[in-house]
Protein backbone atom coordinates (compact mmCIF):
# COMPACT_ATOMS: atom_id res chain seq x y z
CA MET A 1 -112.62 -71.63 -79.42
CA SER A 2 -112.13 -70.41 -82.97
CA LYS A 3 -112.96 -66.93 -84.21
CA ARG A 4 -115.78 -68.37 -86.31
CA SER A 5 -117.39 -70.12 -83.34
CA VAL A 6 -117.09 -66.95 -81.23
CA THR A 7 -118.88 -64.95 -83.90
CA LYS A 8 -121.57 -67.62 -84.22
CA ASN A 9 -121.96 -67.81 -80.43
CA VAL A 10 -122.33 -64.02 -80.15
CA GLN A 11 -124.91 -64.03 -82.94
CA GLU A 12 -126.94 -66.81 -81.27
CA ASN A 13 -126.86 -65.17 -77.83
CA THR A 14 -127.88 -61.74 -79.09
CA LYS A 15 -130.43 -62.63 -81.77
CA GLY A 16 -133.19 -60.40 -80.37
CA VAL A 17 -130.93 -57.36 -80.19
CA MET A 18 -129.06 -58.12 -83.39
CA ASN A 19 -132.25 -58.40 -85.47
CA ASN A 20 -132.84 -54.69 -84.97
CA LEU A 21 -129.42 -53.63 -86.26
CA PRO A 22 -128.74 -52.73 -89.90
CA ASP A 23 -126.64 -55.19 -91.92
CA ALA A 24 -123.75 -52.71 -92.10
CA TYR A 25 -123.54 -52.67 -88.28
CA LEU A 26 -123.65 -56.45 -88.11
CA ALA A 27 -120.85 -56.68 -90.67
CA ALA A 28 -118.77 -54.16 -88.70
CA ILE A 29 -119.29 -56.11 -85.46
CA ASP A 30 -118.33 -59.35 -87.19
CA THR A 31 -115.17 -57.78 -88.64
CA TYR A 32 -114.21 -56.34 -85.27
CA LEU A 33 -114.63 -59.69 -83.51
CA LYS A 34 -112.59 -61.52 -86.11
CA LYS A 35 -109.80 -58.96 -85.83
CA HIS A 36 -109.66 -58.52 -82.05
CA TYR A 37 -110.54 -61.90 -80.58
CA VAL A 38 -107.60 -63.87 -79.20
CA ASP A 39 -108.31 -67.43 -78.12
CA PRO A 40 -107.10 -67.71 -74.51
CA GLN A 41 -106.58 -71.47 -74.94
CA ALA A 42 -104.33 -71.12 -78.01
CA GLU A 43 -100.96 -72.82 -77.69
CA ALA A 44 -99.16 -70.14 -79.70
CA PHE A 45 -99.79 -66.57 -80.83
CA SER A 46 -98.83 -64.54 -83.86
CA ILE A 47 -97.10 -61.23 -83.15
CA ASP A 48 -100.40 -59.35 -83.51
CA GLU A 49 -102.28 -61.81 -81.28
CA PHE A 50 -99.54 -61.58 -78.65
CA CYS A 51 -99.76 -57.78 -78.73
CA LEU A 52 -103.55 -57.91 -78.24
CA ARG A 53 -103.32 -60.48 -75.46
CA TYR A 54 -100.70 -58.62 -73.41
CA GLY A 55 -101.61 -55.05 -74.38
CA ILE A 56 -98.21 -54.12 -75.80
CA GLY A 57 -96.95 -52.82 -79.14
CA ARG A 58 -95.25 -54.69 -81.95
CA GLN A 59 -91.97 -52.85 -81.47
CA LEU A 60 -91.70 -53.96 -77.84
CA VAL A 61 -92.34 -57.57 -78.89
CA TYR A 62 -89.56 -57.39 -81.48
CA ASP A 63 -87.23 -55.67 -78.98
CA GLU A 64 -87.88 -58.42 -76.43
CA LEU A 65 -87.35 -61.14 -79.07
CA ASN A 66 -84.08 -59.56 -80.22
CA ALA A 67 -82.86 -59.18 -76.63
CA GLY A 68 -83.59 -62.87 -75.97
CA ARG A 69 -86.04 -62.17 -73.13
CA LEU A 70 -88.95 -63.50 -75.19
CA VAL A 71 -88.64 -66.69 -77.24
CA GLY A 72 -90.38 -67.04 -80.57
CA LYS A 73 -90.45 -69.73 -83.25
CA LYS A 74 -90.42 -69.39 -87.02
CA VAL A 75 -92.99 -71.18 -89.15
CA GLY A 76 -91.98 -70.30 -92.68
CA ARG A 77 -92.00 -66.50 -92.68
CA ARG A 78 -94.34 -66.23 -89.67
CA THR A 79 -93.13 -65.69 -86.15
CA ILE A 80 -95.18 -67.32 -83.44
CA ILE A 81 -94.77 -67.12 -79.69
CA PRO A 82 -95.67 -70.23 -77.70
CA ARG A 83 -98.10 -69.48 -74.86
CA LEU A 84 -95.75 -70.89 -72.20
CA ASN A 85 -92.91 -68.65 -73.43
CA GLY A 86 -95.23 -65.64 -73.30
CA GLU A 87 -96.31 -66.48 -69.76
CA GLY A 88 -92.66 -66.99 -68.74
CA TRP A 89 -91.77 -63.59 -70.19
CA LEU A 90 -94.65 -61.95 -68.33
CA ASN A 91 -93.62 -63.58 -65.05
CA SER A 92 -90.01 -62.44 -65.52
CA LEU A 93 -91.00 -58.77 -65.66
CA PRO A 94 -90.25 -56.73 -62.54
CA THR A 95 -92.99 -56.36 -59.98
CA ILE A 96 -94.10 -52.85 -59.06
CA LYS A 97 -93.61 -52.20 -55.37
CA PRO A 98 -95.91 -49.67 -53.71
CA LYS A 99 -94.34 -46.50 -52.45
CA LYS A 100 -94.22 -45.93 -48.73
CA ALA A 101 -96.68 -43.39 -47.35
CA ASP A 102 -93.95 -40.79 -46.70
CA GLN A 103 -92.66 -41.09 -50.30
CA ALA A 104 -96.06 -40.74 -51.96
CA ALA A 105 -97.03 -37.51 -53.68
C-alpha cells in the first residue's frame, strides 16, 4: 500500500471527524502520515524507513552495515536494505533471557 493510498484511505474512513478539523490540522496530519508510514509489504527500505520500522537510529544502522551484520544495496547514491536482510539481521540479534527469581532486584 502506497503512502498516497494510506492517506486517501484514512481520509475516507474518517470523513465525519475530519470535516470538523481546520485545514491546517488536516495538512499536518497528511504530512505526518507521509513522513512516518512504512509499508509493511515493501521489499526494501531506505535507511530512514528501516529506522522507523525497527525503532532504531541511523547511526546504529550504519554501524551494523559497516560491521557486515546488516546487508544493504546501493541504488545510485541511495542505500536500501532488502526486507529479508532486515529480518535476518533482527533474527540474529541475541535473545533476552529472563533473570532467575533470586537474581531479580
